[in-house]
C-alpha atoms as a PDB file:
ATOM      1  CA  UNK A   1     131.830  90.241 106.921  1.00  0.00           C
ATOM      2  CA  UNK A   2     129.931  89.106 109.999  1.00  0.00           C
ATOM      3  CA  UNK A   3     130.392  90.844 113.316  1.00  0.00           C
ATOM      4  CA  UNK A   4     129.372  89.202 116.554  1.00  0.00           C
ATOM      5  CA  UNK A   5     127.298  91.575 118.687  1.00  0.00           C
ATOM      6  CA  UNK A   6     126.093  89.350 121.529  1.00  0.00           C
ATOM      7  CA  UNK A   7     126.858  85.783 122.528  1.00  0.00           C
ATOM      8  CA  UNK A   8     124.400  84.165 120.093  1.00  0.00           C
ATOM      9  CA  UNK A   9     123.495  87.056 117.774  1.00  0.00           C
ATOM     10  CA  UNK A  10     125.256  87.833 114.528  1.00  0.00           C
ATOM     11  CA  UNK A  11     125.219  91.242 112.865  1.00  0.00           C
ATOM     12  CA  UNK A  12     125.140  91.079 109.061  1.00  0.00           C
ATOM     13  CA  UNK A  13     124.653  94.807 108.499  1.00  0.00           C
ATOM     14  CA  UNK A  14     121.839  97.307 108.882  1.00  0.00           C
ATOM     15  CA  UNK A  15     118.096  97.051 108.480  1.00  0.00           C
ATOM     16  CA  UNK A  16     116.157 100.078 107.277  1.00  0.00           C
ATOM     17  CA  UNK A  17     112.394 100.358 107.491  1.00  0.00           C
ATOM     18  CA  UNK A  18     110.734 102.925 105.247  1.00  0.00           C
ATOM     19  CA  UNK A  19     108.130 105.278 106.697  1.00  0.00           C
ATOM     20  CA  UNK A  20     105.564 103.820 104.282  1.00  0.00           C
ATOM     21  CA  UNK A  21     106.117 100.370 105.790  1.00  0.00           C
ATOM     22  CA  UNK A  22     105.416 101.805 109.242  1.00  0.00           C
ATOM     23  CA  UNK A  23     102.292 103.454 107.826  1.00  0.00           C
ATOM     24  CA  UNK A  24     101.182 100.061 106.443  1.00  0.00           C
ATOM     25  CA  UNK A  25     101.568  98.543 109.915  1.00  0.00           C
ATOM     26  CA  UNK A  26      99.563 101.365 111.514  1.00  0.00           C
ATOM     27  CA  UNK A  27      96.803 101.066 108.896  1.00  0.00           C
ATOM     28  CA  UNK A  28      96.497  97.324 109.509  1.00  0.00           C
ATOM     29  CA  UNK A  29      96.292  97.858 113.270  1.00  0.00           C
ATOM     30  CA  UNK A  30      93.567 100.504 112.885  1.00  0.00           C
ATOM     31  CA  UNK A  31      91.611  98.408 110.371  1.00  0.00           C
ATOM     32  CA  UNK A  32      91.310  95.664 113.016  1.00  0.00           C
ATOM     33  CA  UNK A  33      89.458  97.993 115.407  1.00  0.00           C
ATOM     34  CA  UNK A  34      85.675  98.092 115.370  1.00  0.00           C
ATOM     35  CA  UNK A  35      84.087 101.510 114.905  1.00  0.00           C
ATOM     36  CA  UNK A  36      87.163 103.201 113.414  1.00  0.00           C
ATOM     37  CA  UNK A  37      88.247 103.942 109.869  1.00  0.00           C
ATOM     38  CA  UNK A  38      90.963 106.091 108.343  1.00  0.00           C
ATOM     39  CA  UNK A  39      90.014 109.520 107.086  1.00  0.00           C
ATOM     40  CA  UNK A  40      89.051 109.388 103.398  1.00  0.00           C
ATOM     41  CA  UNK A  41      91.753 109.777 100.800  1.00  0.00           C
ATOM     42  CA  UNK A  42      92.223 112.879  98.723  1.00  0.00           C
ATOM     43  CA  UNK A  43      92.509 113.155  94.938  1.00  0.00           C
ATOM     44  CA  UNK A  44      96.310 112.727  94.957  1.00  0.00           C
ATOM     45  CA  UNK A  45      96.204 109.455  96.897  1.00  0.00           C
ATOM     46  CA  UNK A  46      93.373 108.177  94.727  1.00  0.00           C
ATOM     47  CA  UNK A  47      95.440 108.806  91.581  1.00  0.00           C
ATOM     48  CA  UNK A  48      98.550 107.219  93.128  1.00  0.00           C
ATOM     49  CA  UNK A  49      96.557 104.122  94.092  1.00  0.00           C
ATOM     50  CA  UNK A  50      95.528 103.706  90.440  1.00  0.00           C
ATOM     51  CA  UNK A  51      99.238 103.285  89.641  1.00  0.00           C
ATOM     52  CA  UNK A  52      99.789 100.789  92.453  1.00  0.00           C
ATOM     53  CA  UNK A  53     101.295 103.243  94.965  1.00  0.00           C
ATOM     54  CA  UNK A  54      99.927 103.139  98.491  1.00  0.00           C
ATOM     55  CA  UNK A  55      99.542 106.560 100.034  1.00  0.00           C
ATOM     56  CA  UNK A  56      97.542 106.838 103.240  1.00  0.00           C
ATOM     57  CA  UNK A  57      96.363 110.367 103.856  1.00  0.00           C
ATOM     58  CA  UNK A  58      95.123 109.312 107.290  1.00  0.00           C
ATOM     59  CA  UNK A  59      98.579 108.245 108.519  1.00  0.00           C
ATOM     60  CA  UNK A  60     101.588 110.516 108.832  1.00  0.00           C
ATOM     61  CA  UNK A  61     104.927 109.102 110.037  1.00  0.00           C
ATOM     62  CA  UNK A  62     107.674 111.486 111.159  1.00  0.00           C
ATOM     63  CA  UNK A  63     111.240 110.873 112.289  1.00  0.00           C
ATOM     64  CA  UNK A  64     112.871 113.596 114.371  1.00  0.00           C
ATOM     65  CA  UNK A  65     116.539 114.610 114.525  1.00  0.00           C
ATOM     66  CA  UNK A  66     117.135 112.013 117.282  1.00  0.00           C
ATOM     67  CA  UNK A  67     115.698 109.255 115.025  1.00  0.00           C
ATOM     68  CA  UNK A  68     112.603 108.895 117.178  1.00  0.00           C
ATOM     69  CA  UNK A  69     109.462 107.917 115.298  1.00  0.00           C
ATOM     70  CA  UNK A  70     106.020 109.470 115.784  1.00  0.00           C
ATOM     71  CA  UNK A  71     102.769 108.564 114.061  1.00  0.00           C
ATOM     72  CA  UNK A  72      99.662 110.674 113.538  1.00  0.00           C
ATOM     73  CA  UNK A  73      96.445 108.879 112.646  1.00  0.00           C
ATOM     74  CA  UNK A  74      93.503 110.833 111.210  1.00  0.00           C
ATOM     75  CA  UNK A  75      90.381 108.758 111.671  1.00  0.00           C
ATOM     76  CA  UNK A  76      86.624 108.756 111.531  1.00  0.00           C
ATOM     77  CA  UNK A  77      84.713 106.986 114.281  1.00  0.00           C
ATOM     78  CA  UNK A  78      81.256 105.478 114.415  1.00  0.00           C
ATOM     79  CA  UNK A  79      78.580 107.487 116.201  1.00  0.00           C
ATOM     80  CA  UNK A  80      78.151 106.357 119.806  1.00  0.00           C
ATOM     81  CA  UNK A  81      81.737 105.219 120.340  1.00  0.00           C
ATOM     82  CA  UNK A  82      83.428 106.732 123.411  1.00  0.00           C
ATOM     83  CA  UNK A  83      86.033 109.095 121.930  1.00  0.00           C
ATOM     84  CA  UNK A  84      88.677 108.996 124.712  1.00  0.00           C
ATOM     85  CA  UNK A  85      88.409 105.202 124.955  1.00  0.00           C
ATOM     86  CA  UNK A  86      88.708 104.610 121.203  1.00  0.00           C
ATOM     87  CA  UNK A  87      91.598 107.086 121.039  1.00  0.00           C
ATOM     88  CA  UNK A  88      93.495 105.063 123.661  1.00  0.00           C
ATOM     89  CA  UNK A  89      92.636 101.799 121.872  1.00  0.00           C
ATOM     90  CA  UNK A  90      93.996 103.199 118.593  1.00  0.00           C
ATOM     91  CA  UNK A  91      97.212 104.315 120.313  1.00  0.00           C
ATOM     92  CA  UNK A  92      97.630 100.939 122.005  1.00  0.00           C
ATOM     93  CA  UNK A  93      96.923  98.963 118.818  1.00  0.00           C
ATOM     94  CA  UNK A  94      99.378 101.012 116.732  1.00  0.00           C
ATOM     95  CA  UNK A  95     102.102 100.915 119.415  1.00  0.00           C
ATOM     96  CA  UNK A  96     101.746  97.153 119.901  1.00  0.00           C
ATOM     97  CA  UNK A  97     101.784  96.408 116.170  1.00  0.00           C
ATOM     98  CA  UNK A  98     104.821  98.600 115.404  1.00  0.00           C
ATOM     99  CA  UNK A  99     106.786  97.247 118.378  1.00  0.00           C
ATOM    100  CA  UNK A 100     105.945  93.623 117.521  1.00  0.00           C
ATOM    101  CA  UNK A 101     106.507  93.816 113.765  1.00  0.00           C
ATOM    102  CA  UNK A 102     109.268  96.417 113.398  1.00  0.00           C
ATOM    103  CA  UNK A 103     110.840  96.366 116.883  1.00  0.00           C
ATOM    104  CA  UNK A 104     110.577 100.172 117.069  1.00  0.00           C
ATOM    105  CA  UNK A 105     109.498 102.069 120.166  1.00  0.00           C
ATOM    106  CA  UNK A 106     107.336 104.980 119.093  1.00  0.00           C
ATOM    107  CA  UNK A 107     107.883 108.395 120.669  1.00  0.00           C
ATOM    108  CA  UNK A 108     104.320 109.642 120.129  1.00  0.00           C
ATOM    109  CA  UNK A 109     101.069 108.406 118.648  1.00  0.00           C
ATOM    110  CA  UNK A 110      98.668 111.253 117.933  1.00  0.00           C
ATOM    111  CA  UNK A 111      95.051 110.409 117.157  1.00  0.00           C
ATOM    112  CA  UNK A 112      93.133 113.100 115.288  1.00  0.00           C
ATOM    113  CA  UNK A 113      89.373 112.448 115.179  1.00  0.00           C
ATOM    114  CA  UNK A 114      88.293 113.962 111.854  1.00  0.00           C
ATOM    115  CA  UNK A 115      84.596 113.197 112.149  1.00  0.00           C
ATOM    116  CA  UNK A 116      81.770 110.978 113.304  1.00  0.00           C
ATOM    117  CA  UNK A 117      80.087 108.561 110.907  1.00  0.00           C
ATOM    118  CA  UNK A 118      76.480 107.555 111.417  1.00  0.00           C
ATOM    119  CA  UNK A 119      75.228 104.134 110.443  1.00  0.00           C
ATOM    120  CA  UNK A 120      77.042 100.818 110.183  1.00  0.00           C
ATOM    121  CA  UNK A 121      80.671 100.577 109.136  1.00  0.00           C
END
């Protein structure tokens, strides 16, 4: 049964977005940034990936009791990159991607710099 919510919008039911889908969006946004990469995976995620399951150890999505979504990104950055600037760029890229693709306003985006990589990425 269709319910009319606004003048030209129809409501057919609910849409649920899994936390892993939000993690996929965040990973894609971070991958597009130069000088940044997700923290390396652990043994568990490596084994899961062999069976076709995506598990990003560098991204953690949480939903609080008020249904507000927060994302933590654990990343490595290239030597010489300004840490505060790249942190803000990561936050902006993740926020923009999640808002555009999933229409979700994020409560917090925490960037955890796990290390500095020398050489070219």
